[in-house]
Amino acid sequence: MSYWCERAWLPEGPAANVLVETSGGRITRVTPGVEECPQGARRLDGLTLPGAANAHSHAFHRALRGRTADQRGTFWTWRNRMYQLAHRLDPDSYHRLARGVYAEMALAGITAVGEFHYLHHAPGGESYADPHAMSHALVRAADEAGVRLTLLDTCYLSSGFGPPVEGVQTRFSDGTAEDWAERVRDFRPEYEGVLVGAALHSVRAVPAEQMPVVREFAHTGGVPLHLHLSEQRAENDACLAATGRTPTQLLDEQGVLRAGTTAVHATHLAPADVARLGRSGTGVCLCPTTESDLADGIGPADELAVAGCALSLGSDGHSVVDPFEEARAVESGMRLRSEVRGHFSTAELTAMTTYAGHRALGWPDAGTVEAGERADLVTVSLDGAKFAGVPPSSAVLVASAADVREVVVDGTPVVRDGVHLRVPDVAGELRASVEELLGVP
């Protein structure tokens, strides 16, 4: 299949009249300056970008969108609502909700998602008859929605620094890291476009002596390792009180920080923590719209980038599913924090959304429009009044998910003319699944 792009975002920047040829899910040739759309090629008017990567997702959190925003409190009071929701999910309801969430991502131009998956077992902590039932639900949902999935199977063993899991947390725990690893090794996804990675939930949820098992699982298997890091000041304080170390120091001592590891949030870091992350080659996934929604704070994105951390983006709790808004929020957060403009260029923000995110998820052959890469193409319409007078090189600073018209994933059309080709009524499916889970309209 060939695509003629009115404008396309190439590695060197936007170019006009670009013919992108694909075969077998790969881009085979990219030719700028083709003045007319060749016969048989699909014409893509607007700006065509590489597919976006959502490097951090908790699919079931989507059911809480708009239901906690007017309540005072903190991350910890919000977590109580999230736990109530987690208690209600089963494999069937999880599949229905995740299918709608991943389809919404596709409509927004996201072609790959990293699901930080810790809801493993039935209520009470007992295994389902199929111990991988919840994982299969997510894999099936991603396949039906037409997006690639990195299933970041998450180790979660304790309720804090010492106490065992309690309440709904028993659904998250395998008991020991060895038991977690045994379960994950036994999982065989039934669809292509799925990579099984690993995750440590956080320093409070995985005792230090258990961390090496997860580290070696990821390192030996050559798969991504993700973890929540210093999202909350309370986590930092508890870690210091229990271990005499910051979470970053503790992880570094356990050999967790390295190339192939991605720290999610990294909001409340000491200067020495930033240096450790950069020196180790650890990437950082920022989730600015969720960090704003949960009143987490604004992390030191500029300092992390200078230190050498590759920055990617995630929608986390899905208060918003819009990669363009996430990218803009990184820059606006830095401006609010420093009272200085211009921390990241348009090209750097685009790379966070695309190239860096795919690599954080273990897809090193995605995220750019060039020969040999996966054929992920996302076309944004530039017809709206908001784009009038805006140069193509700045269109990503103005666009939103609603402007996405075409999405191709691994050479397969998933969204055409703004309509999802596999999930005809994304809004209806999401509405029905949320109402089913919460028992309210």
Foldseek 3Di string as FASTA:
>chain_A
DKEFECWEQFPVGIAGGWIFDDDQQFTAFIDGDPPDDDPPHHYFYFYKFFFFEFQEAAQQLLLCQPPPLPPDDFLVVVVVVVLLLLLLDDLVLLLLSLLLSLLLLVLQRHAEYEYQDQQQDHFVQHADPLSCSNVQSNLVSNVLSRHAYAYALEAFFDPFADHGDDGSCSSRHLNALVSSLVSQVPDDHPDPRYHYHYEYAFCGGHPLVRVLSNQCSCVVVVFAYEYEACLAVVNQVRCCVNPVDGRLVSCVVSVNQAARYEYEAQADDDLVSLLSNLVRQYAYEYQQVVSVSRVSHQHDPLSNVVSHHQYAYHNYSPSDSKLLVRLLSNQVRVCVVPVDHDSDDLSSSLCNGFQSSCVSRPQNQGRRRGGPRRPWMWRFHQPDPQNVPPDSSCVSNRDISQRTAWTAHSNRTQGHGSAGPSDRCSPVSNVVSSCVSVVHD
